[in-house]
């Protein structure tokens, strides 16, 4: 029995957030879904044979896991639907380390597939090329092709065939790239098929204009020492409105809505640049706002299971403490057990002025400097690369400059040496 909630409230993103999602065309997980990996034929996933001593589970041959827990972490009052997922991996014969990621292969939303087939004027049983073979159109659209992302080939085909799309032809010029991005904000393939009913594609022509459906990477949120038969994820389920339609994240919606009774194909992806030090006495400072908390939950579980004695300091950020404090009970217990030495939270919308993790860092600047310079702490950051990681990096350099008595140039050199010595590690995307 899974932990799926019986009702799933609609989560609306504001225009700014939706624009960001539409532009990236790939879900991201600070546990948001990360950019897609290379193609994989999900329909060929079969029941697992007995694993050999050397693992056989790869991107070409993923393990068909079973979703056993699907539990909402954020409350109904939250603006986000943040979920805790557990995928059972019994007998998979493969290991991963805290800091690594696991790729999940989704299937597309069946109602959207049916809508596209209807817009094409097709039946769904037409044979089309897919994964080096031939499949019925509906199966190929479910498992093999990305059916939301608008590709340049698709846009060009629409512009060439639609007499009512002169503006689109203009926007396809290389110098109009920024204007094209604005025009495509929140748009998906189905929008163009509906808006230009006079444009006709055969099923084979249509799939030739799409890209392959790719797996998504998620940071693991659990230690195999503690949970030897499963992998945990924390994921923001993407759902928003654009152009009068509900849009859903491909993989996050697959896990939240459709994965209870089907295989969840997975394989691990090593991130050696983001592993903990082997020496369990080394202090750790971990910055993980939102779903970027995932690897640090795994770090702390691993440290407890190994009996490590080193200090651990966690910075967590979210919108509201009441609604969005992920794994509150876990971290409170870790503090009581002495595994988590310190924890500082930044809940950005619990007061008139927004407070983020970099602000908490600056408030504790003197102690951070002591941990790094005197105690030799390793500094980890996980999450959004565009803003959070840059702001955290700037805060770190400020701390080194002000509390280390260094010039801006010396502070920068100090931070770069931390990176070179593998004491400053980032998993940002």
Foldseek 3Di string as FASTA:
>chain_A
DAQFDPDDDFQADDLVVLLVCLLVVAWVPLLTWDRFDDFEFPVPADADDQADLDFPADRNHFHQWAWRYWHFQFDPPDSWGKTKIKTFAPRRNDDAAQVWKKWWAFWFDLVVLVLVCVLQVHDQQDWADFPNRIGGLSVCNGGWFDQWDQALLNLVLLCVQAPPPPVSVVCSPPVNVVVVSVVCRPGTPSVSSVVRSVRHDDSHRVRVRTHTRGITIFRWQAACLVVVGITMAIYTWDWHDDPRDIDTRRVSCRVNPPRNPGTTTMDIGHDVLRHDDPQLQAEAEEEREDRVCRSVNHVLNVSVSVVRDHEYEYEYEEADPNGGPGPPVVVVVSCVVVSHVYYHYFHQNPDPHGDDRLNVCLVVLLVVCCSCPVRVHAYEYREADPPPVVSNVVSQLVSCCPNVVHDSVVSVVVVVVCVVVSRYGYHHD
